[in-house]
């Protein structure tokens, strides 16, 4: 397995911390384009963590389905080269857990 390495041309940045989070119990987030702006009525959720075990809300504990995470981060000048990308406002294309793209 390849591990991230920091060197003269690559900087590692941890995305751990509190992210904005919202469960999509009705599965409407993609159709309503939740990825296109700030989440409405989010809660703070630590990342990395298992969202099912963070709150005392039984609906979230038992939730199986889409969830959405959002955060803001700084991209150093060195990472802003032509052809590079580290953020997305596109909807997800397949199953995955928390990321900077919505899910």
C-alpha atoms as a PDB file:
ATOM      1  CA  UNK A   1       0.000   0.000   0.000  1.00  0.00           C
ATOM      2  CA  UNK A   2       1.335   3.425  -0.900  1.00  0.00           C
ATOM      3  CA  UNK A   3       1.516   5.862   1.987  1.00  0.00           C
ATOM      4  CA  UNK A   4       1.335   9.663   1.656  1.00  0.00           C
ATOM      5  CA  UNK A   5       4.781  11.199   1.674  1.00  0.00           C
ATOM      6  CA  UNK A   6       5.759  14.797   2.241  1.00  0.00           C
ATOM      7  CA  UNK A   7       8.624  16.099   0.144  1.00  0.00           C
ATOM      8  CA  UNK A   8       9.772  19.205  -1.735  1.00  0.00           C
ATOM      9  CA  UNK A   9       6.788  19.080  -4.093  1.00  0.00           C
ATOM     10  CA  UNK A  10       4.126  17.483  -1.902  1.00  0.00           C
ATOM     11  CA  UNK A  11       2.704  18.806   1.361  1.00  0.00           C
ATOM     12  CA  UNK A  12       0.586  16.661   3.670  1.00  0.00           C
ATOM     13  CA  UNK A  13      -2.432  18.311   5.246  1.00  0.00           C
ATOM     14  CA  UNK A  14      -4.641  16.675   7.826  1.00  0.00           C
ATOM     15  CA  UNK A  15      -8.365  17.216   7.298  1.00  0.00           C
ATOM     16  CA  UNK A  16      -9.184  15.974  10.793  1.00  0.00           C
ATOM     17  CA  UNK A  17     -11.356  18.296  12.838  1.00  0.00           C
ATOM     18  CA  UNK A  18     -14.951  19.434  13.135  1.00  0.00           C
ATOM     19  CA  UNK A  19     -16.846  19.292   9.853  1.00  0.00           C
ATOM     20  CA  UNK A  20     -20.371  20.465   9.045  1.00  0.00           C
ATOM     21  CA  UNK A  21     -22.555  17.371   8.793  1.00  0.00           C
ATOM     22  CA  UNK A  22     -26.096  16.493   7.829  1.00  0.00           C
ATOM     23  CA  UNK A  23     -27.777  13.123   7.388  1.00  0.00           C
ATOM     24  CA  UNK A  24     -29.914  12.825   4.271  1.00  0.00           C
ATOM     25  CA  UNK A  25     -32.681  10.620   5.682  1.00  0.00           C
ATOM     26  CA  UNK A  26     -34.977  11.258   2.699  1.00  0.00           C
ATOM     27  CA  UNK A  27     -32.257  10.880   0.048  1.00  0.00           C
ATOM     28  CA  UNK A  28     -33.010  14.276  -1.514  1.00  0.00           C
ATOM     29  CA  UNK A  29     -29.580  15.917  -1.207  1.00  0.00           C
ATOM     30  CA  UNK A  30     -28.430  15.242  -4.759  1.00  0.00           C
ATOM     31  CA  UNK A  31     -31.698  16.358  -6.343  1.00  0.00           C
ATOM     32  CA  UNK A  32     -31.768  19.486  -4.162  1.00  0.00           C
ATOM     33  CA  UNK A  33     -28.075  20.144  -4.928  1.00  0.00           C
ATOM     34  CA  UNK A  34     -26.896  20.269  -1.317  1.00  0.00           C
ATOM     35  CA  UNK A  35     -23.362  20.189  -2.714  1.00  0.00           C
ATOM     36  CA  UNK A  36     -23.832  23.599  -4.364  1.00  0.00           C
ATOM     37  CA  UNK A  37     -23.717  25.656  -1.171  1.00  0.00           C
ATOM     38  CA  UNK A  38     -23.513  25.551   2.598  1.00  0.00           C
ATOM     39  CA  UNK A  39     -25.509  22.796   4.249  1.00  0.00           C
ATOM     40  CA  UNK A  40     -28.718  23.973   5.859  1.00  0.00           C
ATOM     41  CA  UNK A  41     -29.062  23.112   9.555  1.00  0.00           C
ATOM     42  CA  UNK A  42     -25.795  21.162   9.861  1.00  0.00           C
ATOM     43  CA  UNK A  43     -24.356  19.863  13.095  1.00  0.00           C
ATOM     44  CA  UNK A  44     -20.666  19.785  13.943  1.00  0.00           C
ATOM     45  CA  UNK A  45     -19.215  16.328  13.499  1.00  0.00           C
ATOM     46  CA  UNK A  46     -15.657  15.254  14.349  1.00  0.00           C
ATOM     47  CA  UNK A  47     -13.682  13.686  11.514  1.00  0.00           C
ATOM     48  CA  UNK A  48     -12.475  11.002  11.629  1.00  0.00           C
ATOM     49  CA  UNK A  49     -15.229   9.374  13.669  1.00  0.00           C
ATOM     50  CA  UNK A  50     -18.260   7.138  13.349  1.00  0.00           C
ATOM     51  CA  UNK A  51     -21.197   9.544  13.114  1.00  0.00           C
ATOM     52  CA  UNK A  52     -23.555   6.811  14.328  1.00  0.00           C
ATOM     53  CA  UNK A  53     -21.900   6.865  17.739  1.00  0.00           C
ATOM     54  CA  UNK A  54     -21.244  10.580  18.279  1.00  0.00           C
ATOM     55  CA  UNK A  55     -24.695  11.978  19.117  1.00  0.00           C
ATOM     56  CA  UNK A  56     -27.471  10.730  21.380  1.00  0.00           C
ATOM     57  CA  UNK A  57     -29.967  10.947  18.502  1.00  0.00           C
ATOM     58  CA  UNK A  58     -31.411   7.449  17.871  1.00  0.00           C
ATOM     59  CA  UNK A  59     -32.362   8.391  14.295  1.00  0.00           C
ATOM     60  CA  UNK A  60     -28.716   9.205  13.513  1.00  0.00           C
ATOM     61  CA  UNK A  61     -27.466   6.145  15.390  1.00  0.00           C
ATOM     62  CA  UNK A  62     -29.661   3.916  13.209  1.00  0.00           C
ATOM     63  CA  UNK A  63     -29.213   5.894   9.972  1.00  0.00           C
ATOM     64  CA  UNK A  64     -28.161   3.929   6.914  1.00  0.00           C
ATOM     65  CA  UNK A  65     -27.971   6.047   3.780  1.00  0.00           C
ATOM     66  CA  UNK A  66     -26.484   9.235   2.429  1.00  0.00           C
ATOM     67  CA  UNK A  67     -24.746  11.728   4.681  1.00  0.00           C
ATOM     68  CA  UNK A  68     -23.083  15.021   3.781  1.00  0.00           C
ATOM     69  CA  UNK A  69     -19.900  16.533   5.148  1.00  0.00           C
ATOM     70  CA  UNK A  70     -18.505  19.997   4.443  1.00  0.00           C
ATOM     71  CA  UNK A  71     -15.403  21.778   5.601  1.00  0.00           C
ATOM     72  CA  UNK A  72     -13.231  24.685   4.568  1.00  0.00           C
ATOM     73  CA  UNK A  73      -9.478  24.443   4.307  1.00  0.00           C
ATOM     74  CA  UNK A  74      -6.542  26.516   3.124  1.00  0.00           C
ATOM     75  CA  UNK A  75      -4.684  25.469  -0.009  1.00  0.00           C
ATOM     76  CA  UNK A  76      -1.100  26.750  -0.009  1.00  0.00           C
ATOM     77  CA  UNK A  77       0.121  28.614  -3.086  1.00  0.00           C
ATOM     78  CA  UNK A  78       2.343  25.662  -4.003  1.00  0.00           C
ATOM     79  CA  UNK A  79      -0.767  23.498  -4.320  1.00  0.00           C
ATOM     80  CA  UNK A  80      -2.526  25.854  -6.707  1.00  0.00           C
ATOM     81  CA  UNK A  81      -0.781  24.731  -9.875  1.00  0.00           C
ATOM     82  CA  UNK A  82      -2.481  24.336 -13.221  1.00  0.00           C
ATOM     83  CA  UNK A  83      -4.261  21.026 -13.493  1.00  0.00           C
ATOM     84  CA  UNK A  84      -4.371  20.353  -9.767  1.00  0.00           C
ATOM     85  CA  UNK A  85      -7.564  20.048  -7.782  1.00  0.00           C
ATOM     86  CA  UNK A  86      -8.304  19.372  -4.145  1.00  0.00           C
ATOM     87  CA  UNK A  87     -11.927  20.485  -3.771  1.00  0.00           C
ATOM     88  CA  UNK A  88     -15.093  19.713  -5.610  1.00  0.00           C
ATOM     89  CA  UNK A  89     -18.612  21.011  -5.889  1.00  0.00           C
ATOM     90  CA  UNK A  90     -19.657  18.104  -8.075  1.00  0.00           C
ATOM     91  CA  UNK A  91     -22.132  15.559  -6.741  1.00  0.00           C
ATOM     92  CA  UNK A  92     -20.739  12.164  -5.760  1.00  0.00           C
ATOM     93  CA  UNK A  93     -20.678   9.444  -8.372  1.00  0.00           C
ATOM     94  CA  UNK A  94     -20.674   6.406  -6.120  1.00  0.00           C
ATOM     95  CA  UNK A  95     -20.807   5.168  -2.543  1.00  0.00           C
ATOM     96  CA  UNK A  96     -18.268   6.583  -0.145  1.00  0.00           C
ATOM     97  CA  UNK A  97     -18.059   7.925   3.354  1.00  0.00           C
ATOM     98  CA  UNK A  98     -17.099  11.430   4.433  1.00  0.00           C
ATOM     99  CA  UNK A  99     -15.102  13.572   2.023  1.00  0.00           C
ATOM    100  CA  UNK A 100     -14.867  17.101   0.803  1.00  0.00           C
ATOM    101  CA  UNK A 101     -17.340  16.180  -1.870  1.00  0.00           C
ATOM    102  CA  UNK A 102     -20.868  15.680  -0.634  1.00  0.00           C
ATOM    103  CA  UNK A 103     -22.020  12.327   0.624  1.00  0.00           C
END
